[in-house]
N, C-alpha and C. Protein backbone atom coordinates (compact mmCIF):
# COMPACT_ATOMS: atom_id res chain seq x y z
N UNK A 1 97.90 125.28 96.17
CA UNK A 1 98.42 124.82 95.59
C UNK A 1 98.52 123.99 94.65
N UNK A 2 98.72 122.18 94.74
CA UNK A 2 98.77 121.06 94.87
C UNK A 2 97.59 120.43 94.32
N UNK A 3 96.63 120.90 94.54
CA UNK A 3 94.92 120.85 94.21
C UNK A 3 94.84 121.57 92.60
N UNK A 4 94.94 123.34 92.53
CA UNK A 4 95.53 123.90 91.50
C UNK A 4 96.68 122.79 90.47
N UNK A 5 97.64 122.64 90.47
CA UNK A 5 98.48 121.71 89.77
C UNK A 5 98.04 120.69 89.23
N UNK A 6 97.54 119.45 89.97
CA UNK A 6 97.13 118.50 89.91
C UNK A 6 95.86 118.53 88.74
N UNK A 7 95.05 119.67 89.23
CA UNK A 7 93.80 120.17 87.87
C UNK A 7 93.97 120.39 86.83
N UNK A 8 95.11 121.55 86.41
CA UNK A 8 95.57 121.89 85.39
C UNK A 8 95.93 121.09 84.48
N UNK A 9 96.76 119.75 85.22
CA UNK A 9 97.83 118.35 84.67
C UNK A 9 96.22 117.56 83.89
N UNK A 10 95.71 117.40 84.36
CA UNK A 10 94.67 116.12 84.21
C UNK A 10 93.45 116.71 83.12
N UNK A 11 93.41 118.27 83.31
CA UNK A 11 92.22 119.04 82.26
C UNK A 11 93.26 119.19 81.27
N UNK A 12 94.94 119.39 80.98
CA UNK A 12 95.23 119.41 79.96
C UNK A 12 95.01 118.42 78.73
N UNK A 13 95.28 119.14 77.30
CA UNK A 13 94.77 118.21 76.18
C UNK A 13 95.56 116.54 76.62
N UNK A 14 97.46 116.89 77.22
CA UNK A 14 98.06 115.99 77.00
C UNK A 14 97.32 114.63 77.54
N UNK A 15 96.69 114.90 79.21
CA UNK A 15 96.26 114.17 79.43
C UNK A 15 94.65 113.39 79.95
N UNK A 16 94.25 113.66 78.65
CA UNK A 16 92.50 113.14 78.19
C UNK A 16 92.11 111.57 78.35
N UNK A 17 93.47 110.72 78.04
CA UNK A 17 93.42 109.81 78.27
C UNK A 17 93.61 109.00 79.58
N UNK A 18 94.06 109.58 80.94
CA UNK A 18 93.94 109.75 81.91
C UNK A 18 92.82 108.89 82.91
N UNK A 19 93.28 107.31 83.18
CA UNK A 19 91.85 107.23 84.03
C UNK A 19 92.75 106.97 85.43
N UNK A 20 93.22 107.12 85.62
CA UNK A 20 93.67 106.79 87.29
C UNK A 20 95.01 107.47 87.73
N UNK A 21 94.78 107.82 88.48
CA UNK A 21 96.25 108.70 89.16
C UNK A 21 96.25 107.46 90.78
N UNK A 22 97.72 107.44 90.48
CA UNK A 22 98.38 106.74 91.83
C UNK A 22 99.16 107.69 92.74
N UNK A 23 99.03 107.15 93.97
CA UNK A 23 100.32 108.32 94.91
C UNK A 23 99.93 107.11 96.02
N UNK A 24 101.24 106.65 96.77
CA UNK A 24 101.89 106.16 97.88
C UNK A 24 101.73 107.37 99.25
N UNK A 25 101.30 107.32 100.03
CA UNK A 25 100.75 107.87 101.71
C UNK A 25 101.31 107.27 102.40
N UNK A 26 101.90 107.97 103.55
CA UNK A 26 102.19 107.06 105.23
C UNK A 26 100.53 107.87 105.45
N UNK A 27 100.71 106.68 106.82
CA UNK A 27 99.50 107.03 107.36
C UNK A 27 99.14 107.81 107.83
N UNK A 28 100.51 108.57 108.75
CA UNK A 28 99.92 110.53 109.43
C UNK A 28 99.92 111.43 108.74
N UNK A 29 99.81 111.02 107.15
CA UNK A 29 100.03 112.36 106.30
C UNK A 29 98.54 112.98 105.81
N UNK A 30 98.10 113.38 106.81
CA UNK A 30 96.63 113.59 106.56
C UNK A 30 96.48 114.56 105.23
N UNK A 31 97.38 115.89 105.42
CA UNK A 31 97.13 116.40 104.03
C UNK A 31 97.12 116.24 102.83
N UNK A 32 98.44 114.61 102.27
CA UNK A 32 98.10 114.82 101.14
C UNK A 32 96.64 113.65 101.00
N UNK A 33 96.69 112.50 102.24
CA UNK A 33 95.24 111.84 102.15
C UNK A 33 94.01 112.43 101.67
N UNK A 34 93.82 113.81 102.36
CA UNK A 34 93.04 114.52 102.09
C UNK A 34 92.96 115.24 100.92
N UNK A 35 94.02 115.53 99.94
CA UNK A 35 94.53 116.49 99.24
C UNK A 35 93.85 115.07 97.33
N UNK A 36 94.23 113.73 97.68
CA UNK A 36 93.12 113.28 96.34
C UNK A 36 91.96 112.62 96.75
N UNK A 37 91.49 112.60 98.24
CA UNK A 37 90.08 112.76 98.67
C UNK A 37 89.77 114.01 98.19
N UNK A 38 89.99 114.96 97.94
CA UNK A 38 89.08 115.87 97.02
C UNK A 38 89.38 115.31 95.62
N UNK A 39 90.17 115.28 94.96
CA UNK A 39 90.94 114.79 93.56
C UNK A 39 89.58 114.35 93.30
N UNK A 40 89.41 113.00 94.30
CA UNK A 40 88.10 112.07 93.73
C UNK A 40 86.96 112.89 93.37
N UNK A 41 86.77 113.66 94.51
CA UNK A 41 84.98 114.38 94.61
C UNK A 41 85.26 115.26 93.47
N UNK A 42 86.25 116.51 93.62
CA UNK A 42 86.26 117.13 92.19
C UNK A 42 86.27 116.78 90.99
N UNK A 43 86.63 115.51 90.79
CA UNK A 43 86.44 114.62 89.40
C UNK A 43 84.97 113.47 89.32
N UNK A 44 84.35 113.82 90.36
CA UNK A 44 83.40 112.76 90.36
C UNK A 44 83.75 110.91 90.53
N UNK A 45 84.70 111.07 91.12
CA UNK A 45 85.27 109.77 90.02
C UNK A 45 85.25 108.87 91.92
N UNK A 46 85.52 107.39 92.15
CA UNK A 46 85.94 107.08 93.04
C UNK A 46 87.85 107.11 93.91
N UNK A 47 87.85 106.42 95.21
CA UNK A 47 89.17 106.14 95.18
C UNK A 47 89.66 105.39 96.30
N UNK A 48 90.24 104.27 96.51
CA UNK A 48 90.87 103.35 96.91
C UNK A 48 92.04 103.54 97.45
N UNK A 49 92.24 102.74 98.61
CA UNK A 49 93.32 103.31 99.72
C UNK A 49 93.47 100.91 99.85
N UNK A 50 94.51 100.98 100.07
CA UNK A 50 95.67 99.74 100.47
C UNK A 50 97.20 99.47 100.57
N UNK A 51 97.66 98.51 101.74
CA UNK A 51 98.44 98.39 101.33
C UNK A 51 99.39 98.38 100.86
N UNK A 52 100.74 98.91 100.86
CA UNK A 52 101.74 99.27 99.46
C UNK A 52 103.04 98.64 99.93
N UNK A 53 103.61 99.90 100.69
CA UNK A 53 104.66 99.79 100.87
C UNK A 53 105.02 99.17 102.60
N UNK A 54 105.56 97.62 102.76
CA UNK A 54 105.50 97.94 104.14
C UNK A 54 106.29 97.99 105.01
N UNK A 55 106.36 98.66 106.29
CA UNK A 55 107.72 99.14 107.14
C UNK A 55 108.75 98.60 106.55
N UNK A 56 108.26 97.56 107.09
CA UNK A 56 110.06 96.69 106.58
C UNK A 56 110.56 96.69 105.50
N UNK A 57 110.46 97.56 104.74
CA UNK A 57 111.21 97.57 103.35
C UNK A 57 112.02 98.24 103.41
N UNK A 58 111.77 99.48 104.81
CA UNK A 58 112.96 100.39 104.31
C UNK A 58 113.88 100.69 105.54
N UNK A 59 114.53 100.74 105.19
CA UNK A 59 116.26 101.23 106.18
C UNK A 59 115.84 101.38 107.76
N UNK A 60 116.02 101.18 108.73
CA UNK A 60 116.19 102.04 110.02
C UNK A 60 114.74 102.01 109.93
N UNK A 61 114.09 101.85 111.80
CA UNK A 61 112.78 102.09 112.25
C UNK A 61 112.51 103.32 112.02
N UNK A 62 112.18 104.04 111.30
CA UNK A 62 112.25 105.36 111.55
C UNK A 62 111.09 106.05 110.17
N UNK A 63 111.13 104.69 109.30
CA UNK A 63 109.90 105.72 108.56
C UNK A 63 108.67 104.14 108.34
N UNK A 64 107.17 105.44 108.20
CA UNK A 64 105.96 104.26 108.49
C UNK A 64 105.72 103.37 106.60
N UNK A 65 104.97 102.62 107.09
CA UNK A 65 104.45 101.74 106.13
C UNK A 65 103.59 103.40 104.97
N UNK A 66 103.68 103.29 103.82
CA UNK A 66 102.62 104.32 102.83
C UNK A 66 101.67 102.94 102.38
N UNK A 67 100.64 103.48 102.09
CA UNK A 67 99.62 103.39 101.73
C UNK A 67 99.10 103.64 100.33
N UNK A 68 99.44 102.40 99.92
CA UNK A 68 98.35 103.17 97.85
C UNK A 68 97.12 103.78 97.70
N UNK A 69 96.75 104.63 96.99
CA UNK A 69 95.67 105.53 96.75
C UNK A 69 95.43 105.79 95.41
N UNK A 70 94.67 105.25 95.25
CA UNK A 70 94.20 105.19 93.72
C UNK A 70 92.60 105.92 93.29
N UNK A 71 92.61 107.31 92.81
CA UNK A 71 92.09 107.66 92.15
C UNK A 71 90.74 107.60 90.86
N UNK A 72 90.14 106.90 90.73
CA UNK A 72 89.69 107.07 89.35
C UNK A 72 88.76 105.88 88.80
N UNK A 73 88.40 105.64 87.79
CA UNK A 73 87.76 105.05 87.27
C UNK A 73 86.48 104.95 86.92
N UNK A 74 86.26 105.79 85.13
CA UNK A 74 87.88 106.43 84.88
C UNK A 74 87.35 107.88 85.29
N UNK A 75 88.18 108.84 85.27
CA UNK A 75 87.96 110.17 85.91
C UNK A 75 87.52 111.05 84.77
N UNK A 76 86.19 111.69 85.41
CA UNK A 76 85.42 112.33 84.38
C UNK A 76 85.83 113.95 84.45
N UNK A 77 86.26 114.29 82.70
CA UNK A 77 86.44 115.43 82.64
C UNK A 77 85.60 116.32 82.63
């Protein structure tokens, strides 16, 4: 469902100038990581990730760090 939604949005006329899609994802959220990796494959573009939000900025001890995933460069429609 999420993949279909992203495709629908990115293929719409309103999003034709979109070149990048960014999301922050925790290291253990493999489903979201896979979703954005698939998006990069489907649109024949690159994906990069880097540390973005460190664990120490979140209150308490239970939240993981979050990595930024960037799909694009530019996205091929």
